[in-house]
Amino acid sequence: MDARHEDGLVMRVTGMSCGSCERAVETASRSVTGVLGAKADAGSGRLVLALEAGTDRRAIEVAVVSAVREAGYAAGQVAGRGDTALALGIGLGLAGLFALGNALGLFGLVPRLESGAGYGMLFVTGLLTSLHCVSMCGGIALSQSMAGRDDRPATPLRALVPSLAYN
């Protein structure tokens, strides 16, 4: 970094899914006065900005959010510790509700498939549960088939990295 640089600003951008999206966000960000450079990453949903020294960071952030929005994407601050604490609190609350429901026997009210079920009932159960697989598991499987997004050439091993990290 030269003398005109100061520490960068990191922002969250949603809606990016490819290299073209990254370039559109970078171009929109660089159009803002005070931004010397921009690097977007669709995989992490982050935008890293290099700013001129002595610029008003808050004003630049507002201008970049507006420019990125005009390009068709949503931008905001990167999640901080407050978001993590909120997610942890919600998770613990849900776990507590589950434990309470289990202790009160509420899950005994859920119908179960018994061992004497006929082939027709098994077929219907399979159809109903396949909706879950197509909608949720299919999306996860598709997202894991995307190779990492950076400037290095693609290799068969790099294509497996998302799936290996997930598993």
N, C-alpha and C. Protein backbone atom coordinates (compact mmCIF):
# COMPACT_ATOMS: atom_id res chain seq x y z
N MET A 1 0.83 -1.19 0.00
CA MET A 1 0.00 0.00 0.00
C MET A 1 0.87 1.24 0.00
N ASP A 2 0.41 2.22 -0.76
CA ASP A 2 1.19 3.46 -0.78
C ASP A 2 0.69 4.41 0.30
N ALA A 3 1.20 5.63 0.32
CA ALA A 3 0.88 6.58 1.38
C ALA A 3 -0.59 7.02 1.36
N ARG A 4 -1.27 6.85 0.22
CA ARG A 4 -2.67 7.27 0.13
C ARG A 4 -3.61 6.23 0.73
N HIS A 5 -3.12 5.03 1.01
CA HIS A 5 -3.96 3.96 1.56
C HIS A 5 -4.07 4.04 3.07
N GLU A 6 -5.19 3.57 3.57
CA GLU A 6 -5.33 3.28 4.99
C GLU A 6 -5.94 1.89 5.05
N ASP A 7 -6.21 1.41 6.22
CA ASP A 7 -6.81 0.09 6.33
C ASP A 7 -8.09 0.02 5.51
N GLY A 8 -8.36 -1.15 4.97
CA GLY A 8 -9.53 -1.32 4.14
C GLY A 8 -10.81 -1.44 4.94
N LEU A 9 -11.90 -1.40 4.22
CA LEU A 9 -13.23 -1.54 4.78
C LEU A 9 -13.79 -2.85 4.23
N VAL A 10 -14.31 -3.71 5.11
CA VAL A 10 -14.87 -4.99 4.69
C VAL A 10 -16.37 -4.91 4.83
N MET A 11 -17.07 -5.30 3.76
CA MET A 11 -18.53 -5.24 3.75
C MET A 11 -19.08 -6.59 3.31
N ARG A 12 -20.34 -6.83 3.67
CA ARG A 12 -21.03 -8.04 3.26
C ARG A 12 -21.88 -7.69 2.05
N VAL A 13 -21.85 -8.55 1.00
CA VAL A 13 -22.66 -8.34 -0.20
C VAL A 13 -23.43 -9.63 -0.47
N THR A 14 -24.73 -9.53 -0.63
CA THR A 14 -25.55 -10.70 -0.93
C THR A 14 -26.04 -10.62 -2.37
N GLY A 15 -26.22 -11.78 -2.97
CA GLY A 15 -26.71 -11.86 -4.33
C GLY A 15 -25.65 -12.21 -5.35
N MET A 16 -24.37 -12.20 -4.97
CA MET A 16 -23.32 -12.57 -5.91
C MET A 16 -23.26 -14.09 -6.03
N SER A 17 -23.12 -14.58 -7.27
CA SER A 17 -23.04 -16.02 -7.46
C SER A 17 -21.97 -16.45 -8.45
N CYS A 18 -21.27 -15.50 -9.07
CA CYS A 18 -20.29 -15.87 -10.09
C CYS A 18 -19.24 -14.76 -10.24
N GLY A 19 -18.28 -15.01 -11.10
CA GLY A 19 -17.23 -14.03 -11.36
C GLY A 19 -17.77 -12.75 -11.97
N SER A 20 -18.78 -12.85 -12.80
CA SER A 20 -19.39 -11.66 -13.41
C SER A 20 -20.03 -10.79 -12.34
N CYS A 21 -20.67 -11.43 -11.36
CA CYS A 21 -21.26 -10.69 -10.24
C CYS A 21 -20.16 -9.96 -9.46
N GLU A 22 -19.06 -10.65 -9.22
CA GLU A 22 -17.94 -10.04 -8.49
C GLU A 22 -17.44 -8.80 -9.22
N ARG A 23 -17.26 -8.90 -10.54
CA ARG A 23 -16.78 -7.76 -11.31
C ARG A 23 -17.77 -6.60 -11.28
N ALA A 24 -19.06 -6.90 -11.34
CA ALA A 24 -20.07 -5.83 -11.30
C ALA A 24 -20.02 -5.09 -9.96
N VAL A 25 -19.88 -5.83 -8.86
CA VAL A 25 -19.81 -5.22 -7.53
C VAL A 25 -18.52 -4.41 -7.40
N GLU A 26 -17.41 -4.95 -7.89
CA GLU A 26 -16.13 -4.23 -7.82
C GLU A 26 -16.19 -2.93 -8.62
N THR A 27 -16.76 -2.99 -9.83
CA THR A 27 -16.86 -1.79 -10.67
C THR A 27 -17.74 -0.73 -10.01
N ALA A 28 -18.87 -1.16 -9.45
CA ALA A 28 -19.76 -0.21 -8.77
C ALA A 28 -19.06 0.42 -7.57
N SER A 29 -18.29 -0.37 -6.84
CA SER A 29 -17.61 0.14 -5.64
C SER A 29 -16.51 1.12 -6.01
N ARG A 30 -15.76 0.81 -7.07
CA ARG A 30 -14.66 1.70 -7.48
C ARG A 30 -15.16 3.04 -8.01
N SER A 31 -16.44 3.13 -8.38
CA SER A 31 -16.98 4.40 -8.88
C SER A 31 -17.18 5.42 -7.76
N VAL A 32 -17.11 4.97 -6.51
CA VAL A 32 -17.30 5.86 -5.36
C VAL A 32 -16.01 6.62 -5.08
N THR A 33 -16.12 7.93 -4.93
CA THR A 33 -14.97 8.76 -4.61
C THR A 33 -14.39 8.36 -3.26
N GLY A 34 -13.08 8.14 -3.22
CA GLY A 34 -12.41 7.74 -2.00
C GLY A 34 -12.07 6.26 -1.97
N VAL A 35 -12.63 5.48 -2.89
CA VAL A 35 -12.31 4.05 -2.98
C VAL A 35 -11.20 3.88 -4.01
N LEU A 36 -10.07 3.36 -3.55
CA LEU A 36 -8.93 3.15 -4.45
C LEU A 36 -8.98 1.78 -5.11
N GLY A 37 -9.53 0.80 -4.42
CA GLY A 37 -9.59 -0.55 -4.97
C GLY A 37 -10.70 -1.34 -4.31
N ALA A 38 -11.17 -2.36 -5.02
CA ALA A 38 -12.24 -3.21 -4.48
C ALA A 38 -12.01 -4.64 -4.93
N LYS A 39 -12.24 -5.58 -4.02
CA LYS A 39 -12.13 -7.01 -4.33
C LYS A 39 -13.33 -7.71 -3.73
N ALA A 40 -14.20 -8.25 -4.60
CA ALA A 40 -15.40 -8.96 -4.16
C ALA A 40 -15.16 -10.46 -4.25
N ASP A 41 -15.79 -11.21 -3.36
CA ASP A 41 -15.70 -12.67 -3.35
C ASP A 41 -17.10 -13.23 -3.17
N ALA A 42 -17.61 -13.86 -4.23
CA ALA A 42 -18.97 -14.42 -4.19
C ALA A 42 -19.08 -15.54 -3.18
N GLY A 43 -18.03 -16.35 -3.03
CA GLY A 43 -18.07 -17.49 -2.12
C GLY A 43 -18.29 -17.09 -0.67
N SER A 44 -17.60 -16.05 -0.24
CA SER A 44 -17.73 -15.61 1.15
C SER A 44 -18.74 -14.48 1.31
N GLY A 45 -19.16 -13.88 0.18
CA GLY A 45 -20.10 -12.77 0.26
C GLY A 45 -19.48 -11.51 0.82
N ARG A 46 -18.17 -11.35 0.60
CA ARG A 46 -17.47 -10.19 1.15
C ARG A 46 -16.94 -9.27 0.06
N LEU A 47 -16.86 -8.01 0.41
CA LEU A 47 -16.28 -6.99 -0.44
C LEU A 47 -15.23 -6.26 0.40
N VAL A 48 -13.99 -6.27 -0.06
CA VAL A 48 -12.89 -5.60 0.65
C VAL A 48 -12.52 -4.36 -0.16
N LEU A 49 -12.57 -3.21 0.51
CA LEU A 49 -12.29 -1.93 -0.13
C LEU A 49 -10.99 -1.34 0.39
N ALA A 50 -10.19 -0.79 -0.51
CA ALA A 50 -9.02 -0.01 -0.13
C ALA A 50 -9.42 1.45 -0.25
N LEU A 51 -9.22 2.21 0.82
CA LEU A 51 -9.69 3.60 0.88
C LEU A 51 -8.53 4.58 0.88
N GLU A 52 -8.80 5.78 0.37
CA GLU A 52 -7.82 6.85 0.47
C GLU A 52 -7.69 7.26 1.92
N ALA A 53 -6.49 7.63 2.32
CA ALA A 53 -6.27 8.07 3.70
C ALA A 53 -7.03 9.38 3.94
N GLY A 54 -7.59 9.48 5.14
CA GLY A 54 -8.26 10.70 5.53
C GLY A 54 -9.69 10.83 5.04
N THR A 55 -10.23 9.78 4.45
CA THR A 55 -11.62 9.86 3.97
C THR A 55 -12.59 9.49 5.08
N ASP A 56 -13.82 9.95 4.94
CA ASP A 56 -14.88 9.64 5.89
C ASP A 56 -15.40 8.23 5.59
N ARG A 57 -15.01 7.28 6.44
CA ARG A 57 -15.35 5.87 6.21
C ARG A 57 -16.86 5.65 6.17
N ARG A 58 -17.60 6.32 7.02
CA ARG A 58 -19.05 6.14 7.07
C ARG A 58 -19.70 6.66 5.79
N ALA A 59 -19.24 7.80 5.29
CA ALA A 59 -19.79 8.35 4.05
C ALA A 59 -19.50 7.42 2.87
N ILE A 60 -18.28 6.87 2.85
CA ILE A 60 -17.93 5.95 1.77
C ILE A 60 -18.78 4.68 1.86
N GLU A 61 -18.98 4.19 3.07
CA GLU A 61 -19.80 2.99 3.25
C GLU A 61 -21.21 3.21 2.72
N VAL A 62 -21.81 4.34 3.04
CA VAL A 62 -23.16 4.66 2.58
C VAL A 62 -23.18 4.75 1.05
N ALA A 63 -22.17 5.40 0.47
CA ALA A 63 -22.11 5.55 -0.99
C ALA A 63 -21.91 4.21 -1.68
N VAL A 64 -21.08 3.34 -1.09
CA VAL A 64 -20.84 2.02 -1.68
C VAL A 64 -22.11 1.17 -1.60
N VAL A 65 -22.82 1.22 -0.47
CA VAL A 65 -24.08 0.48 -0.35
C VAL A 65 -25.04 0.92 -1.45
N SER A 66 -25.12 2.21 -1.70
CA SER A 66 -26.01 2.73 -2.74
C SER A 66 -25.56 2.28 -4.13
N ALA A 67 -24.26 2.36 -4.40
CA ALA A 67 -23.74 1.97 -5.72
C ALA A 67 -23.93 0.48 -5.97
N VAL A 68 -23.69 -0.32 -4.95
CA VAL A 68 -23.85 -1.77 -5.09
C VAL A 68 -25.33 -2.12 -5.28
N ARG A 69 -26.20 -1.40 -4.58
CA ARG A 69 -27.64 -1.62 -4.73
C ARG A 69 -28.08 -1.29 -6.16
N GLU A 70 -27.56 -0.21 -6.73
CA GLU A 70 -27.89 0.15 -8.11
C GLU A 70 -27.41 -0.90 -9.09
N ALA A 71 -26.34 -1.63 -8.73
CA ALA A 71 -25.82 -2.70 -9.59
C ALA A 71 -26.64 -3.99 -9.44
N GLY A 72 -27.59 -4.01 -8.50
CA GLY A 72 -28.46 -5.17 -8.36
C GLY A 72 -28.13 -6.10 -7.21
N TYR A 73 -27.32 -5.63 -6.26
CA TYR A 73 -26.93 -6.47 -5.13
C TYR A 73 -27.20 -5.72 -3.83
N ALA A 74 -27.15 -6.43 -2.72
CA ALA A 74 -27.37 -5.80 -1.42
C ALA A 74 -26.07 -5.81 -0.64
N ALA A 75 -25.74 -4.70 -0.01
CA ALA A 75 -24.49 -4.59 0.75
C ALA A 75 -24.77 -4.05 2.14
N GLY A 76 -23.91 -4.40 3.08
CA GLY A 76 -24.01 -3.92 4.45
C GLY A 76 -22.73 -4.24 5.19
N GLN A 77 -22.73 -3.95 6.48
CA GLN A 77 -21.55 -4.23 7.28
C GLN A 77 -21.38 -5.72 7.47
N VAL A 78 -20.14 -6.14 7.67
CA VAL A 78 -19.85 -7.54 7.95
C VAL A 78 -20.36 -7.89 9.34
N ALA A 79 -20.91 -9.10 9.48
CA ALA A 79 -21.46 -9.54 10.76
C ALA A 79 -20.39 -9.43 11.84
N GLY A 80 -20.79 -8.89 12.96
CA GLY A 80 -19.86 -8.74 14.08
C GLY A 80 -20.18 -9.70 15.19
N ARG A 81 -19.62 -9.46 16.34
CA ARG A 81 -19.84 -10.34 17.48
C ARG A 81 -21.29 -10.34 17.94
N GLY A 82 -21.99 -9.22 17.75
CA GLY A 82 -23.38 -9.14 18.15
C GLY A 82 -24.24 -10.14 17.39
N ASP A 83 -23.96 -10.33 16.09
CA ASP A 83 -24.70 -11.30 15.30
C ASP A 83 -24.42 -12.71 15.79
N THR A 84 -23.19 -12.99 16.13
CA THR A 84 -22.82 -14.32 16.61
C THR A 84 -23.51 -14.60 17.94
N ALA A 85 -23.52 -13.63 18.83
CA ALA A 85 -24.17 -13.82 20.13
C ALA A 85 -25.67 -14.03 19.95
N LEU A 86 -26.28 -13.30 19.04
CA LEU A 86 -27.70 -13.47 18.77
C LEU A 86 -27.99 -14.87 18.24
N ALA A 87 -27.19 -15.33 17.28
CA ALA A 87 -27.39 -16.67 16.73
C ALA A 87 -27.19 -17.74 17.80
N LEU A 88 -26.19 -17.56 18.64
CA LEU A 88 -25.95 -18.52 19.72
C LEU A 88 -27.12 -18.52 20.71
N GLY A 89 -27.63 -17.35 21.04
CA GLY A 89 -28.78 -17.26 21.95
C GLY A 89 -30.02 -17.93 21.38
N ILE A 90 -30.27 -17.70 20.09
CA ILE A 90 -31.43 -18.34 19.45
C ILE A 90 -31.25 -19.86 19.44
N GLY A 91 -30.05 -20.32 19.13
CA GLY A 91 -29.79 -21.76 19.10
C GLY A 91 -29.98 -22.40 20.47
N LEU A 92 -29.48 -21.75 21.50
CA LEU A 92 -29.65 -22.29 22.86
C LEU A 92 -31.12 -22.26 23.28
N GLY A 93 -31.83 -21.22 22.88
CA GLY A 93 -33.26 -21.14 23.19
C GLY A 93 -34.05 -22.27 22.52
N LEU A 94 -33.73 -22.54 21.25
CA LEU A 94 -34.41 -23.62 20.55
C LEU A 94 -34.07 -24.98 21.16
N ALA A 95 -32.82 -25.16 21.55
CA ALA A 95 -32.43 -26.42 22.20
C ALA A 95 -33.18 -26.59 23.52
N GLY A 96 -33.34 -25.50 24.26
CA GLY A 96 -34.09 -25.55 25.51
C GLY A 96 -35.55 -25.90 25.28
N LEU A 97 -36.17 -25.30 24.25
CA LEU A 97 -37.55 -25.63 23.92
C LEU A 97 -37.71 -27.09 23.51
N PHE A 98 -36.74 -27.59 22.76
CA PHE A 98 -36.78 -29.01 22.37
C PHE A 98 -36.70 -29.90 23.61
N ALA A 99 -35.78 -29.59 24.51
CA ALA A 99 -35.63 -30.40 25.73
C ALA A 99 -36.91 -30.34 26.57
N LEU A 100 -37.52 -29.17 26.68
CA LEU A 100 -38.76 -29.03 27.43
C LEU A 100 -39.90 -29.84 26.78
N GLY A 101 -40.02 -29.74 25.46
CA GLY A 101 -41.05 -30.50 24.75
C GLY A 101 -40.85 -32.00 24.89
N ASN A 102 -39.61 -32.43 24.85
CA ASN A 102 -39.30 -33.85 25.02
C ASN A 102 -39.64 -34.31 26.43
N ALA A 103 -39.32 -33.49 27.43
CA ALA A 103 -39.61 -33.85 28.83
C ALA A 103 -41.11 -33.91 29.09
N LEU A 104 -41.89 -33.07 28.40
CA LEU A 104 -43.34 -33.07 28.57
C LEU A 104 -44.05 -34.13 27.72
N GLY A 105 -43.28 -34.86 26.91
CA GLY A 105 -43.85 -35.92 26.09
C GLY A 105 -44.58 -35.42 24.85
N LEU A 106 -44.31 -34.20 24.41
CA LEU A 106 -44.98 -33.66 23.23
C LEU A 106 -44.61 -34.40 21.95
N PHE A 107 -43.41 -34.97 21.90
CA PHE A 107 -42.99 -35.65 20.68
C PHE A 107 -43.62 -37.03 20.56
N GLY A 108 -44.28 -37.51 21.61
CA GLY A 108 -45.02 -38.76 21.53
C GLY A 108 -46.30 -38.62 20.72
N LEU A 109 -46.71 -37.38 20.46
CA LEU A 109 -47.92 -37.13 19.68
C LEU A 109 -47.67 -37.22 18.17
N VAL A 110 -46.41 -37.23 17.78
CA VAL A 110 -46.07 -37.29 16.35
C VAL A 110 -46.28 -38.72 15.87
N PRO A 111 -47.04 -38.90 14.76
CA PRO A 111 -47.27 -40.27 14.28
C PRO A 111 -45.97 -40.93 13.83
N ARG A 112 -45.89 -42.23 14.03
CA ARG A 112 -44.71 -42.99 13.65
C ARG A 112 -45.12 -44.10 12.69
N LEU A 113 -44.21 -44.43 11.82
CA LEU A 113 -44.45 -45.52 10.88
C LEU A 113 -44.07 -46.82 11.57
N GLU A 114 -45.03 -47.68 11.79
CA GLU A 114 -44.81 -48.94 12.51
C GLU A 114 -44.28 -50.01 11.56
N SER A 115 -43.77 -51.08 12.12
CA SER A 115 -43.16 -52.13 11.32
C SER A 115 -44.18 -52.90 10.49
N GLY A 116 -45.45 -52.83 10.81
CA GLY A 116 -46.47 -53.57 10.06
C GLY A 116 -47.08 -52.77 8.93
N ALA A 117 -46.48 -51.64 8.53
CA ALA A 117 -47.04 -50.80 7.48
C ALA A 117 -46.97 -51.52 6.14
N GLY A 118 -47.97 -51.31 5.30
CA GLY A 118 -48.00 -51.94 3.99
C GLY A 118 -47.15 -51.18 2.99
N TYR A 119 -47.02 -51.77 1.78
CA TYR A 119 -46.21 -51.15 0.73
C TYR A 119 -46.80 -49.82 0.28
N GLY A 120 -48.10 -49.70 0.27
CA GLY A 120 -48.74 -48.44 -0.12
C GLY A 120 -48.36 -47.31 0.81
N MET A 121 -48.40 -47.57 2.12
CA MET A 121 -48.02 -46.55 3.10
C MET A 121 -46.54 -46.20 2.98
N LEU A 122 -45.70 -47.20 2.75
CA LEU A 122 -44.27 -46.94 2.57
C LEU A 122 -44.04 -46.08 1.33
N PHE A 123 -44.78 -46.33 0.26
CA PHE A 123 -44.65 -45.55 -0.97
C PHE A 123 -45.04 -44.09 -0.74
N VAL A 124 -46.17 -43.86 -0.07
CA VAL A 124 -46.64 -42.51 0.22
C VAL A 124 -45.64 -41.79 1.13
N THR A 125 -45.14 -42.48 2.13
CA THR A 125 -44.14 -41.88 3.03
C THR A 125 -42.89 -41.50 2.25
N GLY A 126 -42.46 -42.34 1.34
CA GLY A 126 -41.30 -42.04 0.50
C GLY A 126 -41.52 -40.82 -0.36
N LEU A 127 -42.71 -40.71 -0.95
CA LEU A 127 -43.02 -39.53 -1.76
C LEU A 127 -42.99 -38.26 -0.93
N LEU A 128 -43.58 -38.30 0.24
CA LEU A 128 -43.63 -37.10 1.08
C LEU A 128 -42.24 -36.69 1.56
N THR A 129 -41.45 -37.66 1.95
CA THR A 129 -40.11 -37.31 2.44
C THR A 129 -39.17 -36.91 1.31
N SER A 130 -39.46 -37.33 0.08
CA SER A 130 -38.60 -36.94 -1.04
C SER A 130 -38.70 -35.44 -1.31
N LEU A 131 -39.83 -34.81 -0.96
CA LEU A 131 -39.95 -33.37 -1.13
C LEU A 131 -38.89 -32.64 -0.31
N HIS A 132 -38.64 -33.14 0.88
CA HIS A 132 -37.59 -32.56 1.73
C HIS A 132 -36.24 -32.71 1.06
N CYS A 133 -35.97 -33.90 0.54
CA CYS A 133 -34.66 -34.15 -0.07
C CYS A 133 -34.42 -33.25 -1.28
N VAL A 134 -35.44 -33.12 -2.14
CA VAL A 134 -35.28 -32.30 -3.34
C VAL A 134 -35.07 -30.84 -2.98
N SER A 135 -35.86 -30.33 -2.05
CA SER A 135 -35.79 -28.91 -1.75
C SER A 135 -34.58 -28.51 -0.92
N MET A 136 -34.23 -29.29 0.08
CA MET A 136 -33.12 -28.89 0.95
C MET A 136 -31.82 -29.58 0.57
N CYS A 137 -31.83 -30.89 0.56
CA CYS A 137 -30.59 -31.63 0.31
C CYS A 137 -30.07 -31.38 -1.10
N GLY A 138 -31.00 -31.21 -2.06
CA GLY A 138 -30.58 -30.93 -3.43
C GLY A 138 -29.83 -29.61 -3.52
N GLY A 139 -30.35 -28.60 -2.82
CA GLY A 139 -29.66 -27.31 -2.82
C GLY A 139 -28.29 -27.38 -2.19
N ILE A 140 -28.17 -28.14 -1.11
CA ILE A 140 -26.87 -28.30 -0.46
C ILE A 140 -25.91 -29.02 -1.40
N ALA A 141 -26.39 -30.09 -2.05
CA ALA A 141 -25.54 -30.83 -2.97
C ALA A 141 -25.07 -29.96 -4.14
N LEU A 142 -25.96 -29.12 -4.67
CA LEU A 142 -25.57 -28.24 -5.76
C LEU A 142 -24.54 -27.21 -5.31
N SER A 143 -24.72 -26.66 -4.11
CA SER A 143 -23.77 -25.66 -3.63
C SER A 143 -22.40 -26.27 -3.39
N GLN A 144 -22.36 -27.54 -3.04
CA GLN A 144 -21.08 -28.19 -2.79
C GLN A 144 -20.36 -28.56 -4.08
N SER A 145 -21.06 -28.52 -5.20
CA SER A 145 -20.43 -28.87 -6.47
C SER A 145 -19.70 -27.68 -7.09
N MET A 146 -19.82 -26.51 -6.47
CA MET A 146 -19.16 -25.32 -7.00
C MET A 146 -17.73 -25.27 -6.50
N ALA A 147 -16.79 -25.12 -7.41
CA ALA A 147 -15.37 -25.03 -7.04
C ALA A 147 -15.10 -23.68 -6.40
N GLY A 148 -13.99 -23.59 -5.66
CA GLY A 148 -13.61 -22.33 -5.04
C GLY A 148 -13.40 -21.25 -6.09
N ARG A 149 -13.67 -20.01 -5.71
CA ARG A 149 -13.58 -18.91 -6.66
C ARG A 149 -12.35 -18.06 -6.33
N ASP A 150 -11.32 -18.26 -7.11
CA ASP A 150 -10.16 -17.38 -7.01
C ASP A 150 -9.44 -17.43 -8.36
N ASP A 151 -8.28 -16.84 -8.42
CA ASP A 151 -7.59 -16.71 -9.71
C ASP A 151 -6.76 -17.93 -10.08
N ARG A 152 -6.63 -18.90 -9.20
CA ARG A 152 -5.83 -20.09 -9.52
C ARG A 152 -6.57 -20.98 -10.50
N PRO A 153 -5.84 -21.72 -11.34
CA PRO A 153 -6.52 -22.61 -12.28
C PRO A 153 -7.23 -23.76 -11.55
N ALA A 154 -8.35 -24.19 -12.12
CA ALA A 154 -9.14 -25.27 -11.52
C ALA A 154 -8.42 -26.60 -11.70
N THR A 155 -8.44 -27.42 -10.66
CA THR A 155 -7.89 -28.78 -10.72
C THR A 155 -8.94 -29.72 -10.14
N PRO A 156 -8.84 -31.01 -10.46
CA PRO A 156 -9.82 -31.95 -9.89
C PRO A 156 -9.85 -31.92 -8.36
N LEU A 157 -8.70 -31.78 -7.71
CA LEU A 157 -8.67 -31.73 -6.25
C LEU A 157 -9.36 -30.49 -5.72
N ARG A 158 -9.15 -29.34 -6.36
CA ARG A 158 -9.80 -28.10 -5.92
C ARG A 158 -11.31 -28.19 -6.06
N ALA A 159 -11.80 -28.95 -7.05
CA ALA A 159 -13.24 -29.10 -7.22
C ALA A 159 -13.86 -29.89 -6.07
N LEU A 160 -13.06 -30.73 -5.40
CA LEU A 160 -13.56 -31.53 -4.29
C LEU A 160 -13.50 -30.81 -2.94
N VAL A 161 -12.75 -29.72 -2.87
CA VAL A 161 -12.54 -29.04 -1.59
C VAL A 161 -13.84 -28.63 -0.90
N PRO A 162 -14.84 -28.01 -1.60
CA PRO A 162 -16.08 -27.66 -0.90
C PRO A 162 -16.79 -28.87 -0.29
N SER A 163 -16.84 -29.97 -1.04
CA SER A 163 -17.50 -31.17 -0.52
C SER A 163 -16.74 -31.77 0.66
N LEU A 164 -15.42 -31.79 0.57
CA LEU A 164 -14.63 -32.32 1.66
C LEU A 164 -14.78 -31.46 2.91
N ALA A 165 -14.81 -30.14 2.72
CA ALA A 165 -14.97 -29.24 3.87
C ALA A 165 -16.35 -29.42 4.51
N TYR A 166 -17.35 -29.60 3.68
CA TYR A 166 -18.72 -29.81 4.21
C TYR A 166 -18.80 -31.11 4.99
N ASN A 167 -18.23 -32.17 4.46
CA ASN A 167 -18.32 -33.49 5.11
C ASN A 167 -17.35 -33.60 6.27
